[in-house]
Amino acid sequence: MRKSMYGFKYNNKREYAEFYVQAILERYETVLKQHNFDAIIPVPIHKNKAKKRGYNQAEVLAKELSKALEVPMLTDYLLRVVDTTPQKELNDKEREKNLKRAFQLSKNRVKLKKVMLVDDIYTTGATLDICTKELLNAGVEQVYCVTVCIGEGY
């Protein structure tokens, strides 16, 4: 999984998203559909990383989930406003500090009650925690998180 996710994230293997989403749906489709999400929101990456990488891997996953579940994807609802150090280079305490103030919600947004937040890897949960707090502080009532895999070591 480590090699596969590295290729997906850093070597433009976007086609892997279809397989990842199929695996997620095989196990969780029924439960995900029962939630009746208002939107699917990918964890954003900073514009500098997007420029360098060419895409946001969480957005690629979210797009596939959006199609499969027939739930709109909102790519500009949550924004990454700080170009942070890659989380993989930090320990759990540094990860949380690294992400402080890294995300904010866009000014022009619709009212959402229940959203699915999508990311590629869950390691310490720092990224999803910070994003979830931003969404809840903005009035979203429920945030559910979906990732492809769980990282090791934390």
Protein backbone atom coordinates (compact mmCIF):
# COMPACT_ATOMS: atom_id res chain seq x y z
CA MET A 1 0.00 0.00 0.00
CA ARG A 2 2.89 2.33 0.80
CA LYS A 3 4.33 1.99 -2.71
CA SER A 4 0.91 2.36 -4.32
CA MET A 5 0.02 5.47 -2.31
CA TYR A 6 3.41 7.03 -3.05
CA GLY A 7 2.82 6.53 -6.77
CA PHE A 8 -0.67 7.99 -6.49
CA LYS A 9 0.46 11.00 -4.53
CA TYR A 10 3.83 11.85 -6.09
CA ASN A 11 4.12 10.06 -9.45
CA ASN A 12 0.90 11.14 -11.18
CA LYS A 13 -0.79 7.74 -10.84
CA ARG A 14 -4.23 9.31 -10.67
CA GLU A 15 -5.77 6.22 -12.23
CA TYR A 16 -5.23 4.46 -8.87
CA ALA A 17 -8.12 6.51 -7.45
CA GLU A 18 -10.68 4.39 -9.25
CA PHE A 19 -9.36 1.23 -7.56
CA TYR A 20 -9.15 2.91 -4.13
CA VAL A 21 -12.69 4.22 -4.36
CA GLN A 22 -13.98 0.85 -5.55
CA ALA A 23 -12.39 -0.76 -2.48
CA ILE A 24 -13.97 1.87 -0.20
CA LEU A 25 -17.37 1.33 -1.80
CA GLU A 26 -17.18 -2.46 -1.60
CA ARG A 27 -16.96 -2.16 2.14
CA TYR A 28 -18.83 1.05 2.99
CA GLU A 29 -21.17 2.02 0.14
CA THR A 30 -24.38 1.15 1.98
CA VAL A 31 -23.42 3.06 5.09
CA LEU A 32 -22.12 6.05 3.12
CA LYS A 33 -25.33 6.31 1.11
CA GLN A 34 -27.42 6.19 4.29
CA HIS A 35 -25.82 9.41 5.51
CA ASN A 36 -27.29 11.55 2.73
CA PHE A 37 -24.33 13.91 2.64
CA ASP A 38 -24.86 17.47 1.45
CA ALA A 39 -21.37 17.52 -0.05
CA ILE A 40 -18.03 15.79 -0.35
CA ILE A 41 -15.08 18.00 0.51
CA PRO A 42 -11.50 17.01 -0.32
CA VAL A 43 -8.76 18.08 2.08
CA PRO A 44 -7.15 20.92 0.16
CA ILE A 45 -3.48 21.30 -0.65
CA HIS A 46 -1.76 24.65 -0.94
CA LYS A 47 -1.61 26.17 -4.43
CA ASN A 48 2.20 25.85 -4.44
CA LYS A 49 1.98 22.08 -3.86
CA ALA A 50 -0.80 21.79 -6.42
CA LYS A 51 1.35 23.60 -8.96
CA LYS A 52 4.34 21.37 -8.23
CA ARG A 53 2.39 18.09 -8.11
CA GLY A 54 -0.13 19.01 -10.77
CA TYR A 55 -3.16 17.85 -8.78
CA ASN A 56 -4.62 17.29 -5.33
CA GLN A 57 -4.81 13.55 -4.65
CA ALA A 58 -7.63 14.02 -2.11
CA GLU A 59 -9.62 15.87 -4.77
CA VAL A 60 -9.09 13.04 -7.26
CA LEU A 61 -10.49 10.58 -4.68
CA ALA A 62 -13.35 12.90 -3.77
CA LYS A 63 -14.31 13.27 -7.43
CA GLU A 64 -14.61 9.50 -7.82
CA LEU A 65 -16.64 9.23 -4.62
CA SER A 66 -18.83 12.11 -5.76
CA LYS A 67 -19.65 10.34 -9.02
CA ALA A 68 -20.28 6.98 -7.38
CA LEU A 69 -22.44 8.32 -4.53
CA GLU A 70 -24.09 11.09 -6.56
CA VAL A 71 -23.14 13.72 -3.99
CA PRO A 72 -21.74 17.09 -5.09
CA MET A 73 -18.06 17.75 -4.50
CA LEU A 74 -17.05 21.21 -3.28
CA THR A 75 -13.40 21.98 -3.97
CA ASP A 76 -13.46 25.62 -2.88
CA TYR A 77 -15.38 25.33 0.39
CA LEU A 78 -12.30 24.63 2.51
CA LEU A 79 -9.03 26.29 1.57
CA ARG A 80 -5.41 25.66 2.54
CA VAL A 81 -3.96 29.11 3.10
CA VAL A 82 -0.54 28.17 4.53
CA ASP A 83 2.05 26.15 2.61
CA THR A 84 3.01 23.81 5.44
CA THR A 85 5.88 21.37 5.86
CA PRO A 86 4.86 17.88 4.64
CA GLN A 87 3.27 16.02 7.55
CA LYS A 88 5.27 12.86 6.86
CA GLU A 89 8.39 14.73 8.01
CA LEU A 90 6.95 15.55 11.46
CA ASN A 91 6.04 13.80 14.69
CA ASP A 92 2.52 13.90 16.09
CA LYS A 93 2.95 17.09 18.17
CA GLU A 94 4.73 18.89 15.33
CA ARG A 95 1.96 17.86 12.92
CA GLU A 96 -0.72 19.60 14.93
CA LYS A 97 1.37 22.77 15.34
CA ASN A 98 2.27 22.70 11.63
CA LEU A 99 -1.40 22.81 10.63
CA LYS A 100 -2.54 25.52 13.01
CA ARG A 101 -4.15 28.25 10.89
CA ALA A 102 -3.34 26.34 7.69
CA PHE A 103 -7.01 26.01 6.68
CA GLN A 104 -9.92 28.39 6.39
CA LEU A 105 -13.34 28.35 4.83
CA SER A 106 -14.10 30.34 1.71
CA LYS A 107 -16.13 33.49 2.05
CA ASN A 108 -18.82 32.44 -0.45
CA ARG A 109 -20.22 29.20 0.82
CA VAL A 110 -23.55 27.48 1.10
CA LYS A 111 -24.92 26.19 4.40
CA LEU A 112 -24.09 22.51 4.83
CA LYS A 113 -25.34 20.19 7.54
CA LYS A 114 -23.52 16.93 6.83
CA VAL A 115 -20.32 16.48 4.84
CA MET A 116 -17.82 13.80 3.92
CA LEU A 117 -14.24 14.98 4.27
CA VAL A 118 -11.84 13.02 2.04
CA ASP A 119 -8.08 12.55 2.35
CA ASP A 120 -5.59 9.96 1.15
CA ILE A 121 -3.88 8.82 4.37
CA TYR A 122 -4.82 8.94 8.04
CA THR A 123 -1.74 8.87 10.26
CA THR A 124 -2.18 10.87 13.47
CA GLY A 125 -5.46 12.45 12.42
CA ALA A 126 -4.07 15.99 12.73
CA THR A 127 -5.11 17.09 9.24
CA LEU A 128 -8.63 15.69 9.49
CA ASP A 129 -9.02 17.06 13.03
CA ILE A 130 -8.06 20.60 12.02
CA CYS A 131 -10.27 20.52 8.91
CA THR A 132 -13.18 19.11 10.90
CA LYS A 133 -12.86 21.87 13.52
CA GLU A 134 -12.92 24.52 10.77
CA LEU A 135 -16.05 22.99 9.26
CA LEU A 136 -17.83 22.63 12.61
CA ASN A 137 -16.91 26.20 13.61
CA ALA A 138 -18.48 27.38 10.35
CA GLY A 139 -21.79 25.71 11.19
CA VAL A 140 -21.51 22.30 9.55
CA GLU A 141 -23.32 19.97 11.94
CA GLN A 142 -21.69 16.63 11.12
CA VAL A 143 -18.38 15.75 9.48
CA TYR A 144 -17.51 12.20 8.45
CA CYS A 145 -14.01 11.36 7.26
CA VAL A 146 -12.94 8.87 4.61
CA THR A 147 -9.36 7.93 3.78
CA VAL A 148 -7.80 5.22 1.63
CA CYS A 149 -5.41 3.92 4.26
CA ILE A 150 -3.94 4.39 7.70
CA GLY A 151 -0.27 5.24 8.10
CA GLU A 152 2.09 3.42 10.44
CA GLY A 153 4.01 4.57 13.45
CA TYR A 154 1.58 6.75 15.36
